[in-house]
């Protein structure tokens, strides 16, 4: 498989993800230690956007770990998913994903009917323009409602996982687990031996 190398670099990505997740703690420590140094103000925002891409890598690593027989405990696999979701969802705050997908589906359905389904000037006494509008609106609204529910569920997950105390704990657990994975064990194997 193309992504098998992700299993080899997983400890390093987990440590990087932990550092980014706990960046709020490092921001507060930095503002106290460096007394308002300018780097401290823009670094957390930069780490948030870097965390988006690290979150994608963590989710890809989790997908590889779940799809193949990787000799990791379940805690490490779940940690990859949770921290990957937290970092991936953090910068995606107010992007209207549901509206964009609904608009795309509605336009695609209307374009299909306009281009490939010839309609007479009136359908059941209704102008063809109203039919095209209905063909656009019905799939667009159904898709929007479905994806709005998914978007709200993901927003709830984002709020919980990016809450500062939760993010700091997740980040420190990731750092510890990544360091222990470099030595051939994991935090969960130590805490919960089987």
N, C-alpha and C. Protein backbone atom coordinates (compact mmCIF):
# COMPACT_ATOMS: atom_id res chain seq x y z
N UNK A 1 0.83 -1.18 0.00
CA UNK A 1 0.00 0.00 0.00
C UNK A 1 0.88 1.24 0.00
N UNK A 2 0.41 2.31 -0.60
CA UNK A 2 1.18 3.53 -0.76
C UNK A 2 1.45 4.21 0.58
N UNK A 3 0.51 4.12 1.50
CA UNK A 3 0.62 4.88 2.75
C UNK A 3 1.22 4.07 3.90
N UNK A 4 1.90 2.98 3.61
CA UNK A 4 2.48 2.17 4.68
C UNK A 4 3.58 2.92 5.44
N UNK A 5 4.22 3.88 4.80
CA UNK A 5 5.28 4.65 5.47
C UNK A 5 4.72 5.45 6.64
N UNK A 6 3.40 5.72 6.63
CA UNK A 6 2.80 6.48 7.74
C UNK A 6 2.91 5.73 9.06
N UNK A 7 2.90 4.40 8.99
CA UNK A 7 3.04 3.61 10.22
C UNK A 7 4.43 3.80 10.80
N UNK A 8 5.44 3.93 9.94
CA UNK A 8 6.81 4.10 10.42
C UNK A 8 7.04 5.47 11.05
N UNK A 9 6.38 6.50 10.53
CA UNK A 9 6.57 7.85 11.06
C UNK A 9 5.49 8.25 12.06
N UNK A 10 4.63 7.33 12.43
CA UNK A 10 3.51 7.63 13.33
C UNK A 10 3.95 8.23 14.66
N UNK A 11 5.01 7.74 15.31
CA UNK A 11 5.41 8.37 16.58
C UNK A 11 5.76 9.85 16.42
N UNK A 12 6.45 10.19 15.33
CA UNK A 12 6.84 11.58 15.11
C UNK A 12 5.62 12.45 14.80
N UNK A 13 4.69 11.92 14.01
CA UNK A 13 3.48 12.67 13.68
C UNK A 13 2.62 12.83 14.93
N UNK A 14 2.60 11.81 15.77
CA UNK A 14 1.84 11.88 17.02
C UNK A 14 2.43 12.92 17.97
N UNK A 15 3.75 12.98 18.03
CA UNK A 15 4.40 14.00 18.86
C UNK A 15 4.11 15.40 18.31
N UNK A 16 4.22 15.56 16.99
CA UNK A 16 3.92 16.85 16.38
C UNK A 16 2.46 17.25 16.60
N UNK A 17 1.56 16.29 16.45
CA UNK A 17 0.15 16.56 16.72
C UNK A 17 -0.09 16.94 18.17
N UNK A 18 0.61 16.30 19.09
CA UNK A 18 0.49 16.64 20.50
C UNK A 18 1.01 18.04 20.80
N UNK A 19 2.11 18.42 20.17
CA UNK A 19 2.64 19.77 20.36
C UNK A 19 1.67 20.82 19.83
N UNK A 20 1.06 20.53 18.70
CA UNK A 20 0.11 21.49 18.12
C UNK A 20 -1.16 21.55 18.97
N UNK A 21 -1.63 20.40 19.44
CA UNK A 21 -2.85 20.38 20.26
C UNK A 21 -2.64 21.11 21.58
N UNK A 22 -1.45 21.01 22.13
CA UNK A 22 -1.16 21.66 23.41
C UNK A 22 -0.56 23.06 23.21
N UNK A 23 -0.71 23.61 22.02
CA UNK A 23 -0.11 24.92 21.74
C UNK A 23 -0.70 26.02 22.62
N UNK A 24 -1.94 25.86 23.07
CA UNK A 24 -2.54 26.85 23.96
C UNK A 24 -1.72 26.94 25.25
N UNK A 25 -1.31 25.79 25.77
CA UNK A 25 -0.48 25.79 26.98
C UNK A 25 0.87 26.46 26.71
N UNK A 26 1.46 26.12 25.56
CA UNK A 26 2.75 26.71 25.24
C UNK A 26 2.63 28.21 24.96
N UNK A 27 1.47 28.65 24.43
CA UNK A 27 1.24 30.08 24.23
C UNK A 27 1.20 30.81 25.57
N UNK A 28 0.49 30.22 26.53
CA UNK A 28 0.40 30.86 27.85
C UNK A 28 1.76 30.87 28.54
N UNK A 29 2.49 29.76 28.45
CA UNK A 29 3.83 29.72 29.05
C UNK A 29 4.76 30.71 28.36
N UNK A 30 4.65 30.82 27.04
CA UNK A 30 5.50 31.73 26.29
C UNK A 30 5.21 33.18 26.61
N UNK A 31 3.93 33.51 26.79
CA UNK A 31 3.61 34.91 27.10
C UNK A 31 4.11 35.29 28.50
N UNK A 32 4.15 34.31 29.41
CA UNK A 32 4.69 34.59 30.74
C UNK A 32 6.21 34.65 30.70
N UNK A 33 6.84 33.71 30.01
CA UNK A 33 8.30 33.65 29.99
C UNK A 33 8.91 34.77 29.16
N UNK A 34 8.30 35.07 28.01
CA UNK A 34 8.90 36.06 27.11
C UNK A 34 8.22 37.42 27.20
N UNK A 35 7.26 37.58 28.11
CA UNK A 35 6.62 38.85 28.43
C UNK A 35 6.12 39.59 27.19
N UNK A 36 5.19 38.93 26.46
CA UNK A 36 4.55 39.57 25.33
C UNK A 36 5.37 39.64 24.07
N UNK A 37 6.32 38.75 23.91
CA UNK A 37 7.15 38.71 22.72
C UNK A 37 6.26 38.51 21.50
N UNK A 38 6.54 39.13 20.39
CA UNK A 38 5.64 39.16 19.24
C UNK A 38 5.43 37.79 18.60
N UNK A 39 6.40 36.91 18.67
CA UNK A 39 6.25 35.58 18.07
C UNK A 39 5.12 34.81 18.75
N UNK A 40 4.93 35.05 20.02
CA UNK A 40 3.93 34.31 20.79
C UNK A 40 2.51 34.62 20.27
N UNK A 41 2.29 35.79 19.70
CA UNK A 41 0.94 36.16 19.27
C UNK A 41 0.53 35.49 17.96
N UNK A 42 1.43 35.33 17.00
CA UNK A 42 1.04 34.73 15.72
C UNK A 42 1.33 33.24 15.64
N UNK A 43 2.15 32.72 16.53
CA UNK A 43 2.51 31.31 16.46
C UNK A 43 1.32 30.36 16.66
N UNK A 44 0.41 30.60 17.61
CA UNK A 44 -0.73 29.69 17.76
C UNK A 44 -1.63 29.64 16.52
N UNK A 45 -1.81 30.78 15.85
CA UNK A 45 -2.62 30.77 14.62
C UNK A 45 -1.92 29.97 13.52
N UNK A 46 -0.63 30.13 13.41
CA UNK A 46 0.12 29.36 12.41
C UNK A 46 0.06 27.87 12.73
N UNK A 47 0.17 27.54 14.01
CA UNK A 47 0.09 26.13 14.41
C UNK A 47 -1.31 25.56 14.18
N UNK A 48 -2.34 26.38 14.29
CA UNK A 48 -3.70 25.91 14.02
C UNK A 48 -3.84 25.47 12.58
N UNK A 49 -3.31 26.26 11.65
CA UNK A 49 -3.42 25.91 10.24
C UNK A 49 -2.47 24.78 9.86
N UNK A 50 -1.32 24.71 10.50
CA UNK A 50 -0.45 23.55 10.31
C UNK A 50 -1.12 22.30 10.88
N UNK A 51 -1.84 22.48 11.98
CA UNK A 51 -2.56 21.37 12.60
C UNK A 51 -3.61 20.77 11.70
N UNK A 52 -4.21 21.57 10.81
CA UNK A 52 -5.17 21.05 9.84
C UNK A 52 -4.52 19.97 8.99
N UNK A 53 -3.33 20.23 8.48
CA UNK A 53 -2.64 19.26 7.63
C UNK A 53 -2.09 18.09 8.45
N UNK A 54 -1.60 18.37 9.65
CA UNK A 54 -1.15 17.28 10.52
C UNK A 54 -2.33 16.39 10.91
N UNK A 55 -3.51 16.99 11.10
CA UNK A 55 -4.72 16.21 11.38
C UNK A 55 -5.07 15.27 10.24
N UNK A 56 -4.91 15.75 9.01
CA UNK A 56 -5.15 14.88 7.86
C UNK A 56 -4.17 13.72 7.85
N UNK A 57 -2.91 13.99 8.14
CA UNK A 57 -1.90 12.92 8.19
C UNK A 57 -2.21 11.94 9.32
N UNK A 58 -2.65 12.45 10.47
CA UNK A 58 -3.00 11.57 11.59
C UNK A 58 -4.20 10.70 11.25
N UNK A 59 -5.20 11.27 10.59
CA UNK A 59 -6.36 10.46 10.18
C UNK A 59 -5.97 9.43 9.13
N UNK A 60 -5.08 9.79 8.22
CA UNK A 60 -4.60 8.82 7.23
C UNK A 60 -3.80 7.71 7.90
N UNK A 61 -2.99 8.07 8.90
CA UNK A 61 -2.24 7.06 9.65
C UNK A 61 -3.19 6.14 10.40
N UNK A 62 -4.23 6.70 10.98
CA UNK A 62 -5.23 5.88 11.67
C UNK A 62 -5.93 4.94 10.70
N UNK A 63 -6.22 5.43 9.50
CA UNK A 63 -6.88 4.57 8.50
C UNK A 63 -5.97 3.42 8.11
N UNK A 64 -4.68 3.69 7.94
CA UNK A 64 -3.74 2.63 7.61
C UNK A 64 -3.62 1.65 8.78
N UNK A 65 -3.56 2.17 9.99
CA UNK A 65 -3.43 1.31 11.17
C UNK A 65 -4.66 0.43 11.36
N UNK A 66 -5.84 0.94 11.06
CA UNK A 66 -7.06 0.14 11.20
C UNK A 66 -7.23 -0.84 10.05
N UNK A 67 -6.78 -0.46 8.85
CA UNK A 67 -7.01 -1.34 7.70
C UNK A 67 -6.00 -2.48 7.61
N UNK A 68 -4.84 -2.29 8.19
CA UNK A 68 -3.82 -3.34 8.16
C UNK A 68 -3.62 -3.87 9.58
N UNK A 69 -2.97 -4.97 9.66
CA UNK A 69 -2.70 -5.58 10.96
C UNK A 69 -1.43 -4.97 11.55
N UNK A 70 -1.56 -3.77 12.09
CA UNK A 70 -0.45 -3.09 12.75
C UNK A 70 -0.45 -3.52 14.21
N UNK A 71 0.73 -3.79 14.75
CA UNK A 71 0.83 -4.29 16.11
C UNK A 71 0.80 -3.14 17.12
N UNK A 72 -0.31 -2.42 17.13
CA UNK A 72 -0.52 -1.35 18.09
C UNK A 72 -1.74 -1.67 18.93
N UNK A 73 -1.78 -1.13 20.13
CA UNK A 73 -2.96 -1.34 20.97
C UNK A 73 -4.09 -0.43 20.48
N UNK A 74 -5.30 -0.75 20.92
CA UNK A 74 -6.48 0.02 20.48
C UNK A 74 -6.42 1.47 20.93
N UNK A 75 -5.84 1.71 22.09
CA UNK A 75 -5.74 3.08 22.59
C UNK A 75 -4.97 3.99 21.66
N UNK A 76 -3.89 3.49 21.10
CA UNK A 76 -3.09 4.28 20.16
C UNK A 76 -3.87 4.55 18.89
N UNK A 77 -4.59 3.55 18.41
CA UNK A 77 -5.38 3.74 17.18
C UNK A 77 -6.50 4.76 17.41
N UNK A 78 -7.17 4.66 18.56
CA UNK A 78 -8.22 5.64 18.87
C UNK A 78 -7.63 7.03 19.10
N UNK A 79 -6.46 7.10 19.71
CA UNK A 79 -5.81 8.38 19.94
C UNK A 79 -5.48 9.06 18.61
N UNK A 80 -5.04 8.29 17.62
CA UNK A 80 -4.77 8.85 16.30
C UNK A 80 -6.03 9.46 15.69
N UNK A 81 -7.16 8.77 15.83
CA UNK A 81 -8.42 9.27 15.28
C UNK A 81 -8.87 10.53 16.02
N UNK A 82 -8.84 10.50 17.35
CA UNK A 82 -9.34 11.62 18.14
C UNK A 82 -8.49 12.87 17.93
N UNK A 83 -7.18 12.74 18.01
CA UNK A 83 -6.33 13.92 17.84
C UNK A 83 -6.34 14.38 16.39
N UNK A 84 -6.48 13.45 15.45
CA UNK A 84 -6.60 13.83 14.04
C UNK A 84 -7.86 14.64 13.79
N UNK A 85 -8.99 14.20 14.36
CA UNK A 85 -10.24 14.95 14.23
C UNK A 85 -10.13 16.32 14.90
N UNK A 86 -9.52 16.36 16.08
CA UNK A 86 -9.40 17.64 16.80
C UNK A 86 -8.59 18.64 15.98
N UNK A 87 -7.48 18.20 15.43
CA UNK A 87 -6.64 19.13 14.67
C UNK A 87 -7.26 19.48 13.31
N UNK A 88 -7.94 18.51 12.70
CA UNK A 88 -8.57 18.74 11.40
C UNK A 88 -9.75 19.70 11.51
N UNK A 89 -10.54 19.57 12.57
CA UNK A 89 -11.76 20.36 12.69
C UNK A 89 -11.53 21.75 13.30
N UNK A 90 -10.40 21.96 13.95
CA UNK A 90 -10.20 23.23 14.66
C UNK A 90 -10.27 24.45 13.74
N UNK A 91 -9.58 24.49 12.59
CA UNK A 91 -9.68 25.70 11.76
C UNK A 91 -10.96 25.78 10.93
N UNK A 92 -11.70 24.68 10.83
CA UNK A 92 -12.93 24.67 10.02
C UNK A 92 -14.08 25.11 10.93
N UNK A 93 -14.15 26.41 11.19
CA UNK A 93 -15.14 26.91 12.14
C UNK A 93 -16.42 27.33 11.45
N UNK A 94 -16.36 28.29 10.58
CA UNK A 94 -17.57 28.88 10.01
C UNK A 94 -17.65 28.67 8.51
N UNK A 95 -17.07 27.62 8.01
CA UNK A 95 -17.14 27.35 6.58
C UNK A 95 -18.45 26.63 6.28
N UNK A 96 -19.30 27.19 5.42
CA UNK A 96 -20.63 26.60 5.18
C UNK A 96 -20.56 25.39 4.24
N UNK A 97 -20.10 24.28 4.76
CA UNK A 97 -19.93 23.08 3.95
C UNK A 97 -21.27 22.58 3.44
N UNK A 98 -22.28 22.57 4.30
CA UNK A 98 -23.60 22.05 3.90
C UNK A 98 -24.20 22.89 2.78
N UNK A 99 -24.09 24.19 2.87
CA UNK A 99 -24.65 25.05 1.82
C UNK A 99 -23.91 24.86 0.50
N UNK A 100 -22.60 24.72 0.57
CA UNK A 100 -21.81 24.52 -0.64
C UNK A 100 -22.16 23.19 -1.32
N UNK A 101 -22.27 22.13 -0.54
CA UNK A 101 -22.62 20.82 -1.11
C UNK A 101 -24.05 20.83 -1.63
N UNK A 102 -24.99 21.44 -0.89
CA UNK A 102 -26.37 21.52 -1.34
C UNK A 102 -26.50 22.30 -2.64
N UNK A 103 -25.79 23.41 -2.73
CA UNK A 103 -25.81 24.21 -3.95
C UNK A 103 -25.23 23.43 -5.13
N UNK A 104 -24.16 22.71 -4.89
CA UNK A 104 -23.54 21.91 -5.95
C UNK A 104 -24.48 20.82 -6.44
N UNK A 105 -25.10 20.10 -5.51
CA UNK A 105 -26.02 19.03 -5.90
C UNK A 105 -27.23 19.59 -6.64
N UNK A 106 -27.79 20.69 -6.16
CA UNK A 106 -28.92 21.31 -6.83
C UNK A 106 -28.58 21.76 -8.24
N UNK A 107 -27.43 22.39 -8.39
CA UNK A 107 -27.00 22.82 -9.72
C UNK A 107 -26.74 21.64 -10.65
N UNK A 108 -26.15 20.58 -10.11
CA UNK A 108 -25.89 19.40 -10.93
C UNK A 108 -27.19 18.75 -11.41
N UNK A 109 -28.17 18.66 -10.52
CA UNK A 109 -29.46 18.07 -10.91
C UNK A 109 -30.18 18.94 -11.94
N UNK A 110 -30.17 20.24 -11.72
CA UNK A 110 -30.82 21.14 -12.67
C UNK A 110 -30.10 21.11 -14.02
N UNK A 111 -28.78 21.10 -14.00
CA UNK A 111 -28.02 21.03 -15.26
C UNK A 111 -28.30 19.72 -15.99
N UNK A 112 -28.38 18.63 -15.25
CA UNK A 112 -28.68 17.34 -15.89
C UNK A 112 -30.04 17.38 -16.58
N UNK A 113 -31.05 17.89 -15.89
CA UNK A 113 -32.40 17.93 -16.47
C UNK A 113 -32.43 18.89 -17.66
N UNK A 114 -31.78 20.04 -17.54
CA UNK A 114 -31.78 21.01 -18.64
C UNK A 114 -31.07 20.45 -19.87
N UNK A 115 -29.94 19.77 -19.65
CA UNK A 115 -29.14 19.31 -20.78
C UNK A 115 -29.60 17.98 -21.36
N UNK A 116 -30.09 17.05 -20.53
CA UNK A 116 -30.32 15.70 -21.02
C UNK A 116 -31.77 15.24 -21.00
N UNK A 117 -32.66 15.99 -20.39
CA UNK A 117 -34.07 15.61 -20.35
C UNK A 117 -34.87 16.70 -21.06
N UNK A 118 -35.23 16.47 -22.31
CA UNK A 118 -35.99 17.50 -23.02
C UNK A 118 -37.41 17.60 -22.45
N UNK A 119 -37.80 18.80 -22.08
CA UNK A 119 -39.13 19.04 -21.53
C UNK A 119 -39.90 19.98 -22.46
N UNK A 120 -41.22 19.78 -22.56
CA UNK A 120 -42.01 20.73 -23.35
C UNK A 120 -42.08 22.08 -22.64
N UNK A 121 -42.65 23.06 -23.29
CA UNK A 121 -42.72 24.41 -22.73
C UNK A 121 -43.53 24.46 -21.45
N UNK A 122 -44.54 23.59 -21.31
CA UNK A 122 -45.32 23.50 -20.07
C UNK A 122 -45.43 22.04 -19.67
N UNK A 123 -45.35 21.79 -18.38
CA UNK A 123 -45.51 20.44 -17.83
C UNK A 123 -46.68 20.50 -16.86
N UNK A 124 -47.76 19.80 -17.20
CA UNK A 124 -48.99 19.81 -16.40
C UNK A 124 -49.50 21.22 -16.14
N UNK A 125 -49.37 22.07 -17.16
CA UNK A 125 -49.85 23.44 -17.05
C UNK A 125 -48.91 24.38 -16.31
N UNK A 126 -47.72 23.89 -15.94
CA UNK A 126 -46.74 24.71 -15.21
C UNK A 126 -45.60 25.03 -16.17
N UNK A 127 -45.13 26.25 -16.13
CA UNK A 127 -44.02 26.66 -16.99
C UNK A 127 -42.79 25.81 -16.69
N UNK A 128 -42.01 25.54 -17.73
CA UNK A 128 -40.82 24.71 -17.57
C UNK A 128 -39.79 25.37 -16.65
N UNK A 129 -39.79 26.68 -16.55
CA UNK A 129 -38.85 27.36 -15.64
C UNK A 129 -39.14 27.00 -14.19
N UNK A 130 -40.41 26.89 -13.83
CA UNK A 130 -40.77 26.48 -12.47
C UNK A 130 -40.37 25.03 -12.23
N UNK A 131 -40.47 24.21 -13.23
CA UNK A 131 -40.04 22.81 -13.09
C UNK A 131 -38.54 22.75 -12.86
N UNK A 132 -37.78 23.54 -13.61
CA UNK A 132 -36.34 23.58 -13.41
C UNK A 132 -35.99 24.10 -12.01
N UNK A 133 -36.74 25.08 -11.55
CA UNK A 133 -36.51 25.60 -10.21
C UNK A 133 -36.79 24.53 -9.15
N UNK A 134 -37.85 23.77 -9.33
CA UNK A 134 -38.17 22.68 -8.39
C UNK A 134 -37.10 21.59 -8.45
N UNK A 135 -36.64 21.29 -9.68
CA UNK A 135 -35.58 20.28 -9.84
C UNK A 135 -34.30 20.74 -9.16
N UNK A 136 -34.06 22.04 -9.11
CA UNK A 136 -32.91 22.56 -8.39
C UNK A 136 -33.13 22.54 -6.88
N UNK A 137 -34.28 23.01 -6.43
CA UNK A 137 -34.52 23.22 -5.00
C UNK A 137 -34.67 21.92 -4.20
N UNK A 138 -35.39 20.95 -4.72
CA UNK A 138 -35.66 19.74 -3.94
C UNK A 138 -34.37 19.00 -3.58
N UNK A 139 -33.51 18.64 -4.55
CA UNK A 139 -32.26 17.96 -4.14
C UNK A 139 -31.34 18.86 -3.33
N UNK A 140 -31.34 20.17 -3.65
CA UNK A 140 -30.46 21.08 -2.91
C UNK A 140 -30.87 21.14 -1.44
N UNK A 141 -32.17 21.24 -1.17
CA UNK A 141 -32.63 21.34 0.21
C UNK A 141 -32.46 20.03 0.97
N UNK A 142 -32.73 18.91 0.32
CA UNK A 142 -32.55 17.61 0.99
C UNK A 142 -31.07 17.40 1.33
N UNK A 143 -30.20 17.70 0.38
CA UNK A 143 -28.77 17.55 0.62
C UNK A 143 -28.30 18.51 1.71
N UNK A 144 -28.79 19.75 1.66
CA UNK A 144 -28.41 20.72 2.68
C UNK A 144 -28.81 20.26 4.07
N UNK A 145 -30.03 19.76 4.22
CA UNK A 145 -30.48 19.31 5.54
C UNK A 145 -29.65 18.14 6.05
N UNK A 146 -29.33 17.20 5.17
CA UNK A 146 -28.52 16.06 5.58
C UNK A 146 -27.13 16.51 6.01
N UNK A 147 -26.50 17.33 5.20
CA UNK A 147 -25.14 17.76 5.53
C UNK A 147 -25.11 18.79 6.66
N UNK A 148 -26.18 19.52 6.85
CA UNK A 148 -26.23 20.45 7.99
C UNK A 148 -26.23 19.68 9.30
N UNK A 149 -26.95 18.55 9.33
CA UNK A 149 -26.92 17.70 10.53
C UNK A 149 -25.50 17.18 10.77
N UNK A 150 -24.85 16.73 9.72
CA UNK A 150 -23.48 16.23 9.86
C UNK A 150 -22.54 17.36 10.29
N UNK A 151 -22.74 18.54 9.69
CA UNK A 151 -21.92 19.70 10.04
C UNK A 151 -22.09 20.09 11.51
N UNK A 152 -23.32 20.05 12.00
CA UNK A 152 -23.56 20.39 13.41
C UNK A 152 -22.98 19.34 14.35
N UNK A 153 -23.06 18.07 13.96
CA UNK A 153 -22.45 17.02 14.78
C UNK A 153 -20.93 17.19 14.84
N UNK A 154 -20.32 17.51 13.70
CA UNK A 154 -18.87 17.75 13.69
C UNK A 154 -18.51 19.01 14.47
N UNK A 155 -19.38 20.02 14.45
CA UNK A 155 -19.13 21.23 15.24
C UNK A 155 -19.12 20.90 16.73
N UNK A 156 -20.05 20.05 17.15
CA UNK A 156 -20.09 19.64 18.55
C UNK A 156 -18.82 18.90 18.94
N UNK A 157 -18.38 18.00 18.07
CA UNK A 157 -17.14 17.27 18.33
C UNK A 157 -15.96 18.25 18.39
N UNK A 158 -15.94 19.22 17.49
CA UNK A 158 -14.86 20.21 17.47
C UNK A 158 -14.85 21.03 18.76
N UNK A 159 -16.02 21.42 19.22
CA UNK A 159 -16.10 22.23 20.45
C UNK A 159 -15.55 21.45 21.63
N UNK A 160 -15.90 20.18 21.73
CA UNK A 160 -15.42 19.37 22.85
C UNK A 160 -13.92 19.12 22.75
N UNK A 161 -13.44 18.74 21.56
CA UNK A 161 -12.04 18.37 21.43
C UNK A 161 -11.08 19.56 21.43
N UNK A 162 -11.57 20.75 21.07
CA UNK A 162 -10.67 21.91 21.06
C UNK A 162 -10.85 22.79 22.29
N UNK A 163 -11.66 22.37 23.25
CA UNK A 163 -11.75 23.06 24.53
C UNK A 163 -10.36 22.97 25.17
N UNK A 164 -9.82 24.11 25.62
CA UNK A 164 -8.41 24.18 25.99
C UNK A 164 -7.95 23.09 26.96
N UNK A 165 -8.65 22.83 28.06
CA UNK A 165 -8.17 21.76 28.95
C UNK A 165 -8.16 20.39 28.28
N UNK A 166 -9.16 20.10 27.48
CA UNK A 166 -9.20 18.81 26.77
C UNK A 166 -8.08 18.73 25.76
N UNK A 167 -7.85 19.82 25.03
CA UNK A 167 -6.79 19.83 24.02
C UNK A 167 -5.41 19.68 24.65
N UNK A 168 -5.21 20.30 25.80
CA UNK A 168 -3.92 20.17 26.48
C UNK A 168 -3.70 18.74 26.94
N UNK A 169 -4.72 18.14 27.53
CA UNK A 169 -4.60 16.75 27.98
C UNK A 169 -4.35 15.82 26.79
N UNK A 170 -5.11 16.00 25.71
CA UNK A 170 -4.90 15.19 24.50
C UNK A 170 -3.49 15.38 23.96
N UNK A 171 -3.04 16.63 23.92
CA UNK A 171 -1.71 16.91 23.41
C UNK A 171 -0.61 16.26 24.24
N UNK A 172 -0.72 16.35 25.55
CA UNK A 172 0.30 15.74 26.41
C UNK A 172 0.28 14.22 26.33
N UNK A 173 -0.91 13.64 26.21
CA UNK A 173 -1.02 12.18 26.03
C UNK A 173 -0.39 11.77 24.70
N UNK A 174 -0.62 12.56 23.64
CA UNK A 174 -0.01 12.26 22.34
C UNK A 174 1.51 12.34 22.40
N UNK A 175 2.02 13.36 23.05
CA UNK A 175 3.48 13.50 23.16
C UNK A 175 4.05 12.31 23.92
N UNK A 176 3.43 11.96 25.05
CA UNK A 176 3.93 10.83 25.84
C UNK A 176 3.83 9.53 25.06
N UNK A 177 2.71 9.31 24.39
CA UNK A 177 2.53 8.07 23.64
C UNK A 177 3.49 8.00 22.45
N UNK A 178 3.71 9.13 21.77
CA UNK A 178 4.66 9.14 20.66
C UNK A 178 6.08 8.86 21.11
N UNK A 179 6.47 9.44 22.24
CA UNK A 179 7.82 9.18 22.76
C UNK A 179 7.97 7.71 23.17
N UNK A 180 6.95 7.16 23.80
CA UNK A 180 7.03 5.75 24.19
C UNK A 180 7.00 4.82 22.98
N UNK A 181 6.30 5.23 21.91
CA UNK A 181 6.29 4.40 20.69
C UNK A 181 7.68 4.34 20.06
N UNK A 182 8.47 5.39 20.25
CA UNK A 182 9.85 5.36 19.75
C UNK A 182 10.67 4.30 20.47
N UNK A 183 10.28 3.96 21.70
CA UNK A 183 10.98 2.93 22.48
C UNK A 183 10.31 1.57 22.41
N UNK A 184 9.32 1.42 21.54
CA UNK A 184 8.72 0.12 21.32
C UNK A 184 7.52 -0.22 22.19
N UNK A 185 6.99 0.70 22.93
CA UNK A 185 5.81 0.45 23.75
C UNK A 185 4.85 1.62 23.57
N UNK A 186 3.80 1.65 24.34
CA UNK A 186 2.88 2.80 24.27
C UNK A 186 2.37 3.09 25.67
N UNK A 187 1.81 4.26 25.81
CA UNK A 187 1.26 4.69 27.10
C UNK A 187 0.13 3.78 27.54
N UNK A 188 -0.70 3.36 26.60
CA UNK A 188 -1.83 2.51 26.92
C UNK A 188 -1.40 1.10 27.29
N UNK A 189 -0.29 0.63 26.69
CA UNK A 189 0.22 -0.69 27.07
C UNK A 189 0.78 -0.67 28.48
N UNK A 190 1.31 0.47 28.91
CA UNK A 190 1.83 0.59 30.26
C UNK A 190 0.70 0.75 31.27
N UNK A 191 -0.28 1.61 30.93
CA UNK A 191 -1.38 1.87 31.87
C UNK A 191 -2.36 0.71 31.96
N UNK A 192 -2.61 0.05 30.84
CA UNK A 192 -3.59 -1.04 30.79
C UNK A 192 -2.95 -2.30 30.21
N UNK A 193 -2.07 -2.95 30.96
CA UNK A 193 -1.44 -4.17 30.42
C UNK A 193 -2.49 -5.29 30.28
N UNK A 194 -2.35 -6.04 29.21
CA UNK A 194 -3.35 -7.11 28.97
C UNK A 194 -2.84 -8.46 29.35
